[in-house]
Amino acid sequence: MQTDWTIQGRSGRCAATGRDFTEGEYFYTLLFRERDGFLRLDLSEEAWKERQGNGDPNEPYSFWRTKFEPPLPAPPEPLAKETAEDLLRRYMTERDESHANARYILALMLERKRLLKQIEAKEDMHGRTLVYEHVKTGEVFIVPDPGLRMEQIEAVQNEVAGLLREARGIDNC
């Protein structure tokens, strides 16, 4: 089973030219599979066109075009409550294989709440992988599909709801 999940934030500048992106500017995000996980590169449209024109043989695992929005300042935390997003972030960094099903269900919950946007679903020798982008921050979440069967989904949903209740009484996003 695949274990190389990551969260990678949107860059504020072009990886090729070093130029800062401006608000509303379109740019390309490229993901490359590496031995230890994934590498994210954000390229301006000009750098993307130059890369295409040069016929770069290094094909990305996934890529997409999006509009640059500068990150919003973090609001002050009124209470230290853990949300579905917080729980997903924690499980993504822990790399504990026992959380694979919960990570998958949490990502689906956040996609349904329109906090994550699925960019791509890839099938390769490592299995099926879902690539998500956080709609507000531009972070990339790479979530391996654990291959849940229909009869397992309700139990995992109940497990996730219990985890959220434990995390300070929250039982939804």
Foldseek 3Di string as FASTA:
>chain_A
DDQQKDKAFDDQAAPVPRHGDDAFFKWKWFWAQDPRHIDIGIHHPVVVVVCVVVVPPRHGPDMDMDGDDDADPDDDDPDQFAALVNVLVVCRVVSDPVCLLVNVVSQVQCVVVVQKPWPDWDQDPSGIWTWIAGPRGRMITIHHDPPDDPVCNVVSLVVNQVVNCVRPHDRHD
